[in-house]
Amino acid sequence: MYVELGRLMPQEFDTKERCLHWYKCKQLGLKHSLKLLSKEKDSMIIRTPITNEITIVHGKPKEIEWLHLELVKSDSFTYK
């Protein structure tokens, strides 16, 4: 699994859990601080308003689905 950060080097993760932890750190402990812009089978586009970044997560379909569900369960996404 890896995350594109625009012009910066992509973040690569050994496991989906590490990717989830990375997003949790990006939230700075705030709930509803991520915005899901798009979700496909093998990728998701997530905006982090706190750091004003648009990130693209790439992975296997099962990993993307798992990450999406974990972020939903933990109230990470805003629904405005």
PDB file of N, CA and C in Angstrom:
ATOM      1  N   MET A   1       0.845  -1.168   0.000  1.00  0.00           N
ATOM      2  CA  MET A   1       0.000   0.000   0.000  1.00  0.00           C
ATOM      3  C   MET A   1       0.890   1.230   0.000  1.00  0.00           C
ATOM      4  N   TYR A   2       0.498   2.244  -0.772  1.00  0.00           N
ATOM      5  CA  TYR A   2       1.251   3.490  -0.709  1.00  0.00           C
ATOM      6  C   TYR A   2       0.336   4.684  -0.916  1.00  0.00           C
ATOM      7  N   VAL A   3       0.804   5.847  -0.461  1.00  0.00           N
ATOM      8  CA  VAL A   3       0.025   7.078  -0.514  1.00  0.00           C
ATOM      9  C   VAL A   3       0.818   8.116  -1.291  1.00  0.00           C
ATOM     10  N   GLU A   4       0.193   8.714  -2.305  1.00  0.00           N
ATOM     11  CA  GLU A   4       0.803   9.811  -3.053  1.00  0.00           C
ATOM     12  C   GLU A   4       0.500  11.111  -2.326  1.00  0.00           C
ATOM     13  N   LEU A   5       1.503  11.960  -2.240  1.00  0.00           N
ATOM     14  CA  LEU A   5       1.358  13.243  -1.549  1.00  0.00           C
ATOM     15  C   LEU A   5       1.627  14.403  -2.493  1.00  0.00           C
ATOM     16  N   GLY A   6       1.133  14.344  -3.703  1.00  0.00           N
ATOM     17  CA  GLY A   6       1.391  15.419  -4.649  1.00  0.00           C
ATOM     18  C   GLY A   6       2.814  15.353  -5.160  1.00  0.00           C
ATOM     19  N   ARG A   7       3.562  16.430  -4.966  1.00  0.00           N
ATOM     20  CA  ARG A   7       4.932  16.504  -5.478  1.00  0.00           C
ATOM     21  C   ARG A   7       5.950  15.794  -4.593  1.00  0.00           C
ATOM     22  N   LEU A   8       5.569  15.431  -3.389  1.00  0.00           N
ATOM     23  CA  LEU A   8       6.492  14.771  -2.468  1.00  0.00           C
ATOM     24  C   LEU A   8       6.615  13.293  -2.800  1.00  0.00           C
ATOM     25  N   MET A   9       7.620  12.659  -2.238  1.00  0.00           N
ATOM     26  CA  MET A   9       7.809  11.219  -2.418  1.00  0.00           C
ATOM     27  C   MET A   9       6.632  10.473  -1.804  1.00  0.00           C
ATOM     28  N   PRO A  10       6.154   9.415  -2.451  1.00  0.00           N
ATOM     29  CA  PRO A  10       5.040   8.659  -1.867  1.00  0.00           C
ATOM     30  C   PRO A  10       5.441   7.952  -0.577  1.00  0.00           C
ATOM     31  N   GLN A  11       4.485   7.827   0.326  1.00  0.00           N
ATOM     32  CA  GLN A  11       4.678   7.079   1.559  1.00  0.00           C
ATOM     33  C   GLN A  11       4.341   5.619   1.262  1.00  0.00           C
ATOM     34  N   GLU A  12       5.251   4.709   1.557  1.00  0.00           N
ATOM     35  CA  GLU A  12       4.981   3.291   1.365  1.00  0.00           C
ATOM     36  C   GLU A  12       4.803   2.633   2.723  1.00  0.00           C
ATOM     37  N   PHE A  13       3.837   1.716   2.798  1.00  0.00           N
ATOM     38  CA  PHE A  13       3.528   1.040   4.045  1.00  0.00           C
ATOM     39  C   PHE A  13       3.584  -0.463   3.846  1.00  0.00           C
ATOM     40  N   ASP A  14       4.179  -1.157   4.815  1.00  0.00           N
ATOM     41  CA  ASP A  14       4.259  -2.622   4.775  1.00  0.00           C
ATOM     42  C   ASP A  14       2.893  -3.254   4.987  1.00  0.00           C
ATOM     43  N   THR A  15       2.095  -2.637   5.836  1.00  0.00           N
ATOM     44  CA  THR A  15       0.792  -3.200   6.180  1.00  0.00           C
ATOM     45  C   THR A  15      -0.276  -2.117   6.097  1.00  0.00           C
ATOM     46  N   LYS A  16      -1.510  -2.555   5.986  1.00  0.00           N
ATOM     47  CA  LYS A  16      -2.635  -1.623   5.949  1.00  0.00           C
ATOM     48  C   LYS A  16      -2.814  -0.934   7.307  1.00  0.00           C
ATOM     49  N   GLU A  17      -2.416  -1.616   8.383  1.00  0.00           N
ATOM     50  CA  GLU A  17      -2.525  -1.032   9.716  1.00  0.00           C
ATOM     51  C   GLU A  17      -1.604   0.180   9.870  1.00  0.00           C
ATOM     52  N   ARG A  18      -0.426   0.109   9.273  1.00  0.00           N
ATOM     53  CA  ARG A  18       0.498   1.254   9.330  1.00  0.00           C
ATOM     54  C   ARG A  18      -0.052   2.442   8.555  1.00  0.00           C
ATOM     55  N   CYS A  19      -0.713   2.156   7.443  1.00  0.00           N
ATOM     56  CA  CYS A  19      -1.338   3.222   6.669  1.00  0.00           C
ATOM     57  C   CYS A  19      -2.448   3.884   7.490  1.00  0.00           C
ATOM     58  N   LEU A  20      -3.257   3.083   8.170  1.00  0.00           N
ATOM     59  CA  LEU A  20      -4.305   3.610   9.045  1.00  0.00           C
ATOM     60  C   LEU A  20      -3.696   4.470  10.150  1.00  0.00           C
ATOM     61  N   HIS A  21      -2.638   4.002  10.763  1.00  0.00           N
ATOM     62  CA  HIS A  21      -1.968   4.771  11.820  1.00  0.00           C
ATOM     63  C   HIS A  21      -1.447   6.107  11.275  1.00  0.00           C
ATOM     64  N   TRP A  22      -0.923   6.110  10.065  1.00  0.00           N
ATOM     65  CA  TRP A  22      -0.414   7.340   9.448  1.00  0.00           C
ATOM     66  C   TRP A  22      -1.541   8.359   9.299  1.00  0.00           C
ATOM     67  N   TYR A  23      -2.711   7.899   8.844  1.00  0.00           N
ATOM     68  CA  TYR A  23      -3.856   8.811   8.721  1.00  0.00           C
ATOM     69  C   TYR A  23      -4.333   9.286  10.081  1.00  0.00           C
ATOM     70  N   LYS A  24      -4.290   8.422  11.076  1.00  0.00           N
ATOM     71  CA  LYS A  24      -4.684   8.834  12.431  1.00  0.00           C
ATOM     72  C   LYS A  24      -3.758   9.945  12.946  1.00  0.00           C
ATOM     73  N   CYS A  25      -2.477   9.826  12.642  1.00  0.00           N
ATOM     74  CA  CYS A  25      -1.519  10.867  13.044  1.00  0.00           C
ATOM     75  C   CYS A  25      -1.789  12.170  12.299  1.00  0.00           C
ATOM     76  N   LYS A  26      -2.210  12.075  11.043  1.00  0.00           N
ATOM     77  CA  LYS A  26      -2.534  13.272  10.251  1.00  0.00           C
ATOM     78  C   LYS A  26      -3.719  14.029  10.829  1.00  0.00           C
ATOM     79  N   GLN A  27      -4.613  13.328  11.538  1.00  0.00           N
ATOM     80  CA  GLN A  27      -5.802  13.945  12.105  1.00  0.00           C
ATOM     81  C   GLN A  27      -5.507  14.765  13.358  1.00  0.00           C
ATOM     82  N   LEU A  28      -4.366  14.574  13.948  1.00  0.00           N
ATOM     83  CA  LEU A  28      -3.989  15.271  15.178  1.00  0.00           C
ATOM     84  C   LEU A  28      -5.013  15.068  16.293  1.00  0.00           C
ATOM     85  N   GLY A  29      -5.608  13.864  16.340  1.00  0.00           N
ATOM     86  CA  GLY A  29      -6.550  13.536  17.402  1.00  0.00           C
ATOM     87  C   GLY A  29      -7.957  14.079  17.225  1.00  0.00           C
ATOM     88  N   LEU A  30      -8.244  14.720  16.107  1.00  0.00           N
ATOM     89  CA  LEU A  30      -9.572  15.288  15.870  1.00  0.00           C
ATOM     90  C   LEU A  30     -10.448  14.330  15.078  1.00  0.00           C
ATOM     91  N   LYS A  31     -11.671  14.165  15.489  1.00  0.00           N
ATOM     92  CA  LYS A  31     -12.620  13.342  14.728  1.00  0.00           C
ATOM     93  C   LYS A  31     -13.211  14.186  13.606  1.00  0.00           C
ATOM     94  N   HIS A  32     -13.705  13.530  12.588  1.00  0.00           N
ATOM     95  CA  HIS A  32     -14.336  14.187  11.437  1.00  0.00           C
ATOM     96  C   HIS A  32     -13.409  15.199  10.762  1.00  0.00           C
ATOM     97  N   SER A  33     -12.133  14.908  10.704  1.00  0.00           N
ATOM     98  CA  SER A  33     -11.192  15.863  10.121  1.00  0.00           C
ATOM     99  C   SER A  33     -10.669  15.449   8.750  1.00  0.00           C
ATOM    100  N   LEU A  34     -11.107  14.309   8.222  1.00  0.00           N
ATOM    101  CA  LEU A  34     -10.725  13.899   6.871  1.00  0.00           C
ATOM    102  C   LEU A  34     -11.951  13.976   5.972  1.00  0.00           C
ATOM    103  N   LYS A  35     -11.724  14.236   4.691  1.00  0.00           N
ATOM    104  CA  LYS A  35     -12.831  14.288   3.744  1.00  0.00           C
ATOM    105  C   LYS A  35     -12.554  13.310   2.619  1.00  0.00           C
ATOM    106  N   LEU A  36     -13.452  12.358   2.427  1.00  0.00           N
ATOM    107  CA  LEU A  36     -13.329  11.386   1.344  1.00  0.00           C
ATOM    108  C   LEU A  36     -13.820  12.045   0.066  1.00  0.00           C
ATOM    109  N   LEU A  37     -12.916  12.244  -0.897  1.00  0.00           N
ATOM    110  CA  LEU A  37     -13.280  12.878  -2.158  1.00  0.00           C
ATOM    111  C   LEU A  37     -13.708  11.865  -3.203  1.00  0.00           C
ATOM    112  N   SER A  38     -13.071  10.693  -3.202  1.00  0.00           N
ATOM    113  CA  SER A  38     -13.380   9.680  -4.198  1.00  0.00           C
ATOM    114  C   SER A  38     -12.908   8.324  -3.698  1.00  0.00           C
ATOM    115  N   LYS A  39     -13.642   7.280  -4.077  1.00  0.00           N
ATOM    116  CA  LYS A  39     -13.236   5.918  -3.711  1.00  0.00           C
ATOM    117  C   LYS A  39     -13.460   5.017  -4.911  1.00  0.00           C
ATOM    118  N   GLU A  40     -12.411   4.344  -5.327  1.00  0.00           N
ATOM    119  CA  GLU A  40     -12.459   3.369  -6.414  1.00  0.00           C
ATOM    120  C   GLU A  40     -12.089   2.007  -5.820  1.00  0.00           C
ATOM    121  N   LYS A  41     -12.064   0.978  -6.656  1.00  0.00           N
ATOM    122  CA  LYS A  41     -11.689  -0.352  -6.173  1.00  0.00           C
ATOM    123  C   LYS A  41     -10.286  -0.390  -5.587  1.00  0.00           C
ATOM    124  N   ASP A  42      -9.330   0.238  -6.275  1.00  0.00           N
ATOM    125  CA  ASP A  42      -7.928   0.134  -5.864  1.00  0.00           C
ATOM    126  C   ASP A  42      -7.313   1.455  -5.422  1.00  0.00           C
ATOM    127  N   SER A  43      -8.146   2.466  -5.165  1.00  0.00           N
ATOM    128  CA  SER A  43      -7.605   3.749  -4.703  1.00  0.00           C
ATOM    129  C   SER A  43      -8.687   4.582  -4.019  1.00  0.00           C
ATOM    130  N   MET A  44      -8.231   5.516  -3.199  1.00  0.00           N
ATOM    131  CA  MET A  44      -9.110   6.492  -2.548  1.00  0.00           C
ATOM    132  C   MET A  44      -8.404   7.828  -2.566  1.00  0.00           C
ATOM    133  N   ILE A  45      -9.168   8.890  -2.715  1.00  0.00           N
ATOM    134  CA  ILE A  45      -8.617  10.237  -2.618  1.00  0.00           C
ATOM    135  C   ILE A  45      -9.190  10.853  -1.346  1.00  0.00           C
ATOM    136  N   ILE A  46      -8.281  11.248  -0.457  1.00  0.00           N
ATOM    137  CA  ILE A  46      -8.671  11.790   0.848  1.00  0.00           C
ATOM    138  C   ILE A  46      -8.024  13.162   1.027  1.00  0.00           C
ATOM    139  N   ARG A  47      -8.823  14.130   1.478  1.00  0.00           N
ATOM    140  CA  ARG A  47      -8.300  15.469   1.773  1.00  0.00           C
ATOM    141  C   ARG A  47      -8.139  15.597   3.276  1.00  0.00           C
ATOM    142  N   THR A  48      -6.981  16.100   3.684  1.00  0.00           N
ATOM    143  CA  THR A  48      -6.725  16.353   5.098  1.00  0.00           C
ATOM    144  C   THR A  48      -6.699  17.871   5.291  1.00  0.00           C
ATOM    145  N   PRO A  49      -7.822  18.448   5.713  1.00  0.00           N
ATOM    146  CA  PRO A  49      -7.907  19.909   5.825  1.00  0.00           C
ATOM    147  C   PRO A  49      -6.917  20.519   6.811  1.00  0.00           C
ATOM    148  N   ILE A  50      -6.531  19.787   7.837  1.00  0.00           N
ATOM    149  CA  ILE A  50      -5.613  20.337   8.836  1.00  0.00           C
ATOM    150  C   ILE A  50      -4.276  20.696   8.192  1.00  0.00           C
ATOM    151  N   THR A  51      -3.750  19.800   7.361  1.00  0.00           N
ATOM    152  CA  THR A  51      -2.481  20.057   6.685  1.00  0.00           C
ATOM    153  C   THR A  51      -2.677  20.515   5.248  1.00  0.00           C
ATOM    154  N   ASN A  52      -3.944  20.611   4.816  1.00  0.00           N
ATOM    155  CA  ASN A  52      -4.306  21.045   3.472  1.00  0.00           C
ATOM    156  C   ASN A  52      -3.643  20.200   2.385  1.00  0.00           C
ATOM    157  N   GLU A  53      -3.706  18.883   2.559  1.00  0.00           N
ATOM    158  CA  GLU A  53      -3.135  17.956   1.589  1.00  0.00           C
ATOM    159  C   GLU A  53      -4.239  17.113   0.968  1.00  0.00           C
ATOM    160  N   ILE A  54      -4.080  16.809  -0.288  1.00  0.00           N
ATOM    161  CA  ILE A  54      -4.931  15.833  -0.953  1.00  0.00           C
ATOM    162  C   ILE A  54      -4.051  14.626  -1.204  1.00  0.00           C
ATOM    163  N   THR A  55      -4.426  13.494  -0.621  1.00  0.00           N
ATOM    164  CA  THR A  55      -3.624  12.279  -0.720  1.00  0.00           C
ATOM    165  C   THR A  55      -4.384  11.226  -1.515  1.00  0.00           C
ATOM    166  N   ILE A  56      -3.649  10.424  -2.255  1.00  0.00           N
ATOM    167  CA  ILE A  56      -4.231   9.336  -3.034  1.00  0.00           C
ATOM    168  C   ILE A  56      -3.650   8.036  -2.504  1.00  0.00           C
ATOM    169  N   VAL A  57      -4.518   7.182  -1.982  1.00  0.00           N
ATOM    170  CA  VAL A  57      -4.108   5.897  -1.425  1.00  0.00           C
ATOM    171  C   VAL A  57      -4.281   4.832  -2.502  1.00  0.00           C
ATOM    172  N   HIS A  58      -3.228   4.076  -2.757  1.00  0.00           N
ATOM    173  CA  HIS A  58      -3.273   2.982  -3.724  1.00  0.00           C
ATOM    174  C   HIS A  58      -3.028   1.674  -2.991  1.00  0.00           C
ATOM    175  N   GLY A  59      -3.762   0.647  -3.370  1.00  0.00           N
ATOM    176  CA  GLY A  59      -3.577  -0.658  -2.753  1.00  0.00           C
ATOM    177  C   GLY A  59      -4.477  -1.691  -3.395  1.00  0.00           C
ATOM    178  N   LYS A  60      -4.450  -2.877  -2.845  1.00  0.00           N
ATOM    179  CA  LYS A  60      -5.329  -3.942  -3.320  1.00  0.00           C
ATOM    180  C   LYS A  60      -6.764  -3.600  -2.920  1.00  0.00           C
ATOM    181  N   PRO A  61      -7.756  -4.069  -3.687  1.00  0.00           N
ATOM    182  CA  PRO A  61      -9.149  -3.747  -3.351  1.00  0.00           C
ATOM    183  C   PRO A  61      -9.545  -4.099  -1.918  1.00  0.00           C
ATOM    184  N   LYS A  62      -9.082  -5.218  -1.397  1.00  0.00           N
ATOM    185  CA  LYS A  62      -9.416  -5.592  -0.012  1.00  0.00           C
ATOM    186  C   LYS A  62      -8.787  -4.626   0.988  1.00  0.00           C
ATOM    187  N   GLU A  63      -7.563  -4.149   0.706  1.00  0.00           N
ATOM    188  CA  GLU A  63      -6.894  -3.195   1.600  1.00  0.00           C
ATOM    189  C   GLU A  63      -7.623  -1.850   1.598  1.00  0.00           C
ATOM    190  N   ILE A  64      -8.030  -1.396   0.419  1.00  0.00           N
ATOM    191  CA  ILE A  64      -8.736  -0.115   0.317  1.00  0.00           C
ATOM    192  C   ILE A  64     -10.068  -0.201   1.051  1.00  0.00           C
ATOM    193  N   GLU A  65     -10.791  -1.281   0.856  1.00  0.00           N
ATOM    194  CA  GLU A  65     -12.074  -1.459   1.534  1.00  0.00           C
ATOM    195  C   GLU A  65     -11.887  -1.497   3.049  1.00  0.00           C
ATOM    196  N   TRP A  66     -10.855  -2.217   3.525  1.00  0.00           N
ATOM    197  CA  TRP A  66     -10.585  -2.295   4.957  1.00  0.00           C
ATOM    198  C   TRP A  66     -10.247  -0.915   5.524  1.00  0.00           C
ATOM    199  N   LEU A  67      -9.373  -0.170   4.838  1.00  0.00           N
ATOM    200  CA  LEU A  67      -8.981   1.161   5.305  1.00  0.00           C
ATOM    201  C   LEU A  67     -10.190   2.087   5.360  1.00  0.00           C
ATOM    202  N   HIS A  68     -11.019   2.045   4.329  1.00  0.00           N
ATOM    203  CA  HIS A  68     -12.215   2.873   4.299  1.00  0.00           C
ATOM    204  C   HIS A  68     -13.131   2.559   5.480  1.00  0.00           C
ATOM    205  N   LEU A  69     -13.395   1.280   5.716  1.00  0.00           N
ATOM    206  CA  LEU A  69     -14.272   0.892   6.822  1.00  0.00           C
ATOM    207  C   LEU A  69     -13.700   1.280   8.178  1.00  0.00           C
ATOM    208  N   GLU A  70     -12.396   1.122   8.356  1.00  0.00           N
ATOM    209  CA  GLU A  70     -11.773   1.505   9.629  1.00  0.00           C
ATOM    210  C   GLU A  70     -11.858   3.011   9.862  1.00  0.00           C
ATOM    211  N   LEU A  71     -11.666   3.805   8.824  1.00  0.00           N
ATOM    212  CA  LEU A  71     -11.775   5.257   8.968  1.00  0.00           C
ATOM    213  C   LEU A  71     -13.223   5.670   9.244  1.00  0.00           C
ATOM    214  N   VAL A  72     -14.175   4.984   8.633  1.00  0.00           N
ATOM    215  CA  VAL A  72     -15.592   5.271   8.901  1.00  0.00           C
ATOM    216  C   VAL A  72     -15.938   4.902  10.346  1.00  0.00           C
ATOM    217  N   LYS A  73     -15.493   3.724  10.802  1.00  0.00           N
ATOM    218  CA  LYS A  73     -15.793   3.274  12.165  1.00  0.00           C
ATOM    219  C   LYS A  73     -15.220   4.208  13.222  1.00  0.00           C
ATOM    220  N   SER A  74     -14.100   4.816  12.929  1.00  0.00           N
ATOM    221  CA  SER A  74     -13.456   5.684  13.910  1.00  0.00           C
ATOM    222  C   SER A  74     -13.878   7.152  13.768  1.00  0.00           C
ATOM    223  N   ASP A  75     -14.939   7.411  13.002  1.00  0.00           N
ATOM    224  CA  ASP A  75     -15.458   8.781  12.805  1.00  0.00           C
ATOM    225  C   ASP A  75     -14.401   9.725  12.275  1.00  0.00           C
ATOM    226  N   SER A  76     -13.600   9.274  11.337  1.00  0.00           N
ATOM    227  CA  SER A  76     -12.539  10.106  10.776  1.00  0.00           C
ATOM    228  C   SER A  76     -13.030  11.048   9.688  1.00  0.00           C
ATOM    229  N   PHE A  77     -14.072  10.631   8.970  1.00  0.00           N
ATOM    230  CA  PHE A  77     -14.547  11.437   7.838  1.00  0.00           C
ATOM    231  C   PHE A  77     -15.574  12.463   8.254  1.00  0.00           C
ATOM    232  N   THR A  78     -15.555  13.603   7.573  1.00  0.00           N
ATOM    233  CA  THR A  78     -16.596  14.615   7.737  1.00  0.00           C
ATOM    234  C   THR A  78     -17.647  14.373   6.650  1.00  0.00           C
ATOM    235  N   TYR A  79     -18.875  14.666   6.941  1.00  0.00           N
ATOM    236  CA  TYR A  79     -19.958  14.408   5.989  1.00  0.00           C
ATOM    237  C   TYR A  79     -20.727  15.686   5.686  1.00  0.00           C
ATOM    238  N   LYS A  80     -20.040  16.728   5.259  1.00  0.00           N
ATOM    239  CA  LYS A  80     -20.699  18.001   4.924  1.00  0.00           C
ATOM    240  C   LYS A  80     -20.967  18.084   3.456  1.00  0.00           C
TER     241      LYS A  80
END
